[in-house]
Amino acid sequence: MFSGFTGWHALIILVVILLLFGAPRLPQLARSLGQSMKILKNEVRSDDDTDGKSGDVSAEAGAKVVAEEKPKSAGTADGGPTS
């Protein structure tokens, strides 16, 4: 994909970025890019961790929802008191 990418290309891209954003903003841009990459890696890692456990968690959550809904239907079908 980047087989023809050389050091000159990187230098030209750096000069264009300098012209667009200015030298004082470059450290801020680099910092925000690094933080974004860190967040992305953490999200991908946490998504990979939950892939294997998602079936167990959803089954437990479904059982809790069903268990919580049963006591509510103590009266009539519309939830009102019985006569």
N, C-alpha and C. Protein backbone atom coordinates (compact mmCIF):
# COMPACT_ATOMS: atom_id res chain seq x y z
N MET A 1 0.82 -1.19 0.00
CA MET A 1 0.00 0.00 0.00
C MET A 1 0.87 1.26 0.00
N PHE A 2 1.88 1.27 0.86
CA PHE A 2 2.78 2.43 0.94
C PHE A 2 4.16 2.06 0.40
N SER A 3 4.23 1.24 -0.61
CA SER A 3 5.52 0.78 -1.11
C SER A 3 6.34 1.92 -1.74
N GLY A 4 5.67 2.92 -2.30
CA GLY A 4 6.39 4.03 -2.91
C GLY A 4 6.58 5.21 -1.97
N PHE A 5 6.20 5.06 -0.71
CA PHE A 5 6.29 6.14 0.28
C PHE A 5 7.73 6.26 0.76
N THR A 6 8.33 7.44 0.57
CA THR A 6 9.72 7.65 0.96
C THR A 6 9.80 8.75 2.02
N GLY A 7 11.00 9.02 2.44
CA GLY A 7 11.23 10.07 3.42
C GLY A 7 10.85 11.44 2.90
N TRP A 8 11.00 11.64 1.61
CA TRP A 8 10.63 12.92 1.01
C TRP A 8 9.13 13.15 1.10
N HIS A 9 8.37 12.09 0.91
CA HIS A 9 6.92 12.21 1.03
C HIS A 9 6.52 12.61 2.45
N ALA A 10 7.16 11.99 3.43
CA ALA A 10 6.87 12.32 4.83
C ALA A 10 7.24 13.77 5.13
N LEU A 11 8.35 14.23 4.58
CA LEU A 11 8.78 15.61 4.79
C LEU A 11 7.79 16.59 4.17
N ILE A 12 7.31 16.30 2.99
CA ILE A 12 6.33 17.17 2.33
C ILE A 12 5.03 17.21 3.13
N ILE A 13 4.59 16.06 3.62
CA ILE A 13 3.37 16.03 4.44
C ILE A 13 3.56 16.84 5.71
N LEU A 14 4.73 16.73 6.33
CA LEU A 14 5.01 17.50 7.55
C LEU A 14 5.00 19.00 7.27
N VAL A 15 5.56 19.43 6.15
CA VAL A 15 5.56 20.85 5.79
C VAL A 15 4.14 21.34 5.55
N VAL A 16 3.33 20.55 4.89
CA VAL A 16 1.94 20.95 4.64
C VAL A 16 1.18 21.08 5.96
N ILE A 17 1.41 20.15 6.88
CA ILE A 17 0.76 20.23 8.20
C ILE A 17 1.22 21.47 8.95
N LEU A 18 2.51 21.78 8.87
CA LEU A 18 3.02 22.99 9.51
C LEU A 18 2.37 24.24 8.93
N LEU A 19 2.19 24.27 7.62
CA LEU A 19 1.57 25.43 6.99
C LEU A 19 0.09 25.55 7.36
N LEU A 20 -0.59 24.43 7.48
CA LEU A 20 -2.02 24.46 7.80
C LEU A 20 -2.29 24.85 9.25
N PHE A 21 -1.55 24.26 10.17
CA PHE A 21 -1.87 24.43 11.59
C PHE A 21 -0.92 25.35 12.33
N GLY A 22 0.27 25.55 11.83
CA GLY A 22 1.24 26.40 12.50
C GLY A 22 2.04 25.61 13.53
N ALA A 23 3.25 26.06 13.78
CA ALA A 23 4.16 25.35 14.68
C ALA A 23 3.67 25.31 16.13
N PRO A 24 3.06 26.38 16.67
CA PRO A 24 2.64 26.33 18.08
C PRO A 24 1.56 25.28 18.37
N ARG A 25 0.75 24.94 17.37
CA ARG A 25 -0.34 23.99 17.61
C ARG A 25 0.07 22.54 17.39
N LEU A 26 1.25 22.28 16.83
CA LEU A 26 1.65 20.91 16.54
C LEU A 26 1.76 20.03 17.79
N PRO A 27 2.37 20.48 18.88
CA PRO A 27 2.41 19.61 20.07
C PRO A 27 1.02 19.27 20.59
N GLN A 28 0.12 20.23 20.54
CA GLN A 28 -1.26 19.99 20.98
C GLN A 28 -1.94 18.96 20.07
N LEU A 29 -1.74 19.08 18.77
CA LEU A 29 -2.32 18.12 17.84
C LEU A 29 -1.75 16.72 18.04
N ALA A 30 -0.44 16.63 18.26
CA ALA A 30 0.19 15.33 18.48
C ALA A 30 -0.32 14.70 19.77
N ARG A 31 -0.49 15.51 20.81
CA ARG A 31 -0.99 15.01 22.10
C ARG A 31 -2.41 14.48 21.95
N SER A 32 -3.26 15.23 21.27
CA SER A 32 -4.65 14.79 21.11
C SER A 32 -4.73 13.55 20.23
N LEU A 33 -3.86 13.45 19.23
CA LEU A 33 -3.83 12.26 18.39
C LEU A 33 -3.39 11.04 19.21
N GLY A 34 -2.39 11.22 20.06
CA GLY A 34 -1.93 10.13 20.91
C GLY A 34 -3.00 9.67 21.89
N GLN A 35 -3.72 10.63 22.48
CA GLN A 35 -4.80 10.27 23.40
C GLN A 35 -5.92 9.54 22.67
N SER A 36 -6.23 9.96 21.47
CA SER A 36 -7.27 9.29 20.69
C SER A 36 -6.86 7.87 20.35
N MET A 37 -5.61 7.67 19.99
CA MET A 37 -5.13 6.32 19.69
C MET A 37 -5.17 5.43 20.93
N LYS A 38 -4.82 5.99 22.09
CA LYS A 38 -4.86 5.23 23.34
C LYS A 38 -6.29 4.81 23.67
N ILE A 39 -7.24 5.72 23.51
CA ILE A 39 -8.65 5.40 23.77
C ILE A 39 -9.13 4.33 22.80
N LEU A 40 -8.76 4.45 21.53
CA LEU A 40 -9.17 3.47 20.54
C LEU A 40 -8.62 2.08 20.87
N LYS A 41 -7.35 2.01 21.26
CA LYS A 41 -6.76 0.72 21.62
C LYS A 41 -7.45 0.12 22.83
N ASN A 42 -7.77 0.95 23.84
CA ASN A 42 -8.46 0.44 25.03
C ASN A 42 -9.84 -0.08 24.68
N GLU A 43 -10.56 0.62 23.81
CA GLU A 43 -11.90 0.18 23.41
C GLU A 43 -11.84 -1.13 22.63
N VAL A 44 -10.87 -1.25 21.73
CA VAL A 44 -10.73 -2.49 20.96
C VAL A 44 -10.38 -3.63 21.90
N ARG A 45 -9.48 -3.38 22.84
CA ARG A 45 -9.08 -4.40 23.80
C ARG A 45 -10.26 -4.83 24.67
N SER A 46 -11.06 -3.87 25.15
CA SER A 46 -12.20 -4.21 26.00
C SER A 46 -13.28 -4.91 25.18
N ASP A 47 -13.41 -4.56 23.90
CA ASP A 47 -14.38 -5.24 23.04
C ASP A 47 -13.95 -6.69 22.82
N ASP A 48 -12.65 -6.93 22.65
CA ASP A 48 -12.16 -8.29 22.49
C ASP A 48 -12.37 -9.10 23.76
N ASP A 49 -12.22 -8.48 24.92
CA ASP A 49 -12.42 -9.17 26.19
C ASP A 49 -13.86 -9.59 26.39
N THR A 50 -14.81 -8.79 25.95
CA THR A 50 -16.22 -9.09 26.18
C THR A 50 -16.80 -10.01 25.12
N ASP A 51 -16.10 -10.25 24.01
CA ASP A 51 -16.63 -11.13 22.96
C ASP A 51 -16.87 -12.54 23.48
N GLY A 52 -15.96 -13.08 24.23
CA GLY A 52 -16.11 -14.43 24.75
C GLY A 52 -17.11 -14.52 25.87
N LYS A 53 -17.32 -13.46 26.59
CA LYS A 53 -18.20 -13.47 27.76
C LYS A 53 -19.59 -12.93 27.46
N SER A 54 -19.84 -12.44 26.26
CA SER A 54 -21.10 -11.75 25.97
C SER A 54 -22.29 -12.68 26.09
N GLY A 55 -22.18 -13.95 25.73
CA GLY A 55 -23.30 -14.87 25.84
C GLY A 55 -23.69 -15.10 27.28
N ASP A 56 -22.70 -15.26 28.16
CA ASP A 56 -22.98 -15.49 29.57
C ASP A 56 -23.59 -14.27 30.22
N VAL A 57 -23.08 -13.12 29.90
CA VAL A 57 -23.58 -11.88 30.51
C VAL A 57 -25.01 -11.61 30.06
N SER A 58 -25.31 -11.79 28.79
CA SER A 58 -26.66 -11.51 28.31
C SER A 58 -27.66 -12.52 28.86
N ALA A 59 -27.26 -13.76 29.06
CA ALA A 59 -28.16 -14.75 29.64
C ALA A 59 -28.47 -14.41 31.09
N GLU A 60 -27.45 -13.98 31.84
CA GLU A 60 -27.67 -13.59 33.24
C GLU A 60 -28.54 -12.35 33.32
N ALA A 61 -28.31 -11.39 32.46
CA ALA A 61 -29.10 -10.16 32.47
C ALA A 61 -30.55 -10.47 32.11
N GLY A 62 -30.77 -11.35 31.16
CA GLY A 62 -32.13 -11.72 30.78
C GLY A 62 -32.85 -12.42 31.92
N ALA A 63 -32.15 -13.28 32.65
CA ALA A 63 -32.76 -13.97 33.79
C ALA A 63 -33.14 -12.97 34.88
N LYS A 64 -32.31 -11.97 35.10
CA LYS A 64 -32.61 -10.96 36.13
C LYS A 64 -33.84 -10.14 35.73
N VAL A 65 -33.96 -9.80 34.46
CA VAL A 65 -35.10 -9.01 34.00
C VAL A 65 -36.39 -9.81 34.18
N VAL A 66 -36.37 -11.09 33.83
CA VAL A 66 -37.56 -11.93 33.98
C VAL A 66 -37.91 -12.07 35.45
N ALA A 67 -36.91 -12.26 36.31
CA ALA A 67 -37.17 -12.41 37.74
C ALA A 67 -37.74 -11.12 38.33
N GLU A 68 -37.31 -9.96 37.84
CA GLU A 68 -37.82 -8.69 38.36
C GLU A 68 -39.23 -8.41 37.87
N GLU A 69 -39.61 -8.90 36.69
CA GLU A 69 -40.93 -8.62 36.14
C GLU A 69 -42.02 -9.46 36.78
N LYS A 70 -41.74 -10.65 37.26
CA LYS A 70 -42.76 -11.54 37.80
C LYS A 70 -43.47 -10.97 39.02
N PRO A 71 -42.82 -10.39 40.02
CA PRO A 71 -43.55 -9.88 41.18
C PRO A 71 -44.51 -8.74 40.84
N LYS A 72 -44.30 -8.04 39.76
CA LYS A 72 -45.15 -6.91 39.41
C LYS A 72 -46.56 -7.36 39.00
N SER A 73 -46.72 -8.56 38.51
CA SER A 73 -48.02 -9.01 38.02
C SER A 73 -48.80 -9.74 39.10
N ALA A 74 -48.89 -9.20 40.30
CA ALA A 74 -49.59 -9.84 41.40
C ALA A 74 -51.09 -9.61 41.31
N GLY A 75 -51.56 -8.55 40.67
CA GLY A 75 -52.98 -8.23 40.58
C GLY A 75 -53.59 -8.79 39.31
N THR A 76 -54.44 -8.00 38.68
CA THR A 76 -55.07 -8.40 37.43
C THR A 76 -54.12 -8.21 36.28
N ALA A 77 -54.58 -8.47 35.08
CA ALA A 77 -53.73 -8.37 33.90
C ALA A 77 -53.23 -6.95 33.67
N ASP A 78 -54.02 -5.95 34.06
CA ASP A 78 -53.59 -4.57 33.85
C ASP A 78 -52.81 -4.03 35.04
N GLY A 79 -52.53 -4.85 36.03
CA GLY A 79 -51.73 -4.43 37.18
C GLY A 79 -52.55 -3.83 38.29
N GLY A 80 -53.87 -3.76 38.13
CA GLY A 80 -54.74 -3.19 39.16
C GLY A 80 -55.02 -4.21 40.27
N PRO A 81 -55.66 -3.80 41.35
CA PRO A 81 -55.94 -4.72 42.46
C PRO A 81 -57.04 -5.71 42.07
N THR A 82 -56.98 -6.87 42.69
CA THR A 82 -58.01 -7.88 42.45
C THR A 82 -59.22 -7.58 43.29
N SER A 83 -60.42 -7.97 42.84
CA SER A 83 -61.63 -7.66 43.60
C SER A 83 -62.13 -8.81 44.43
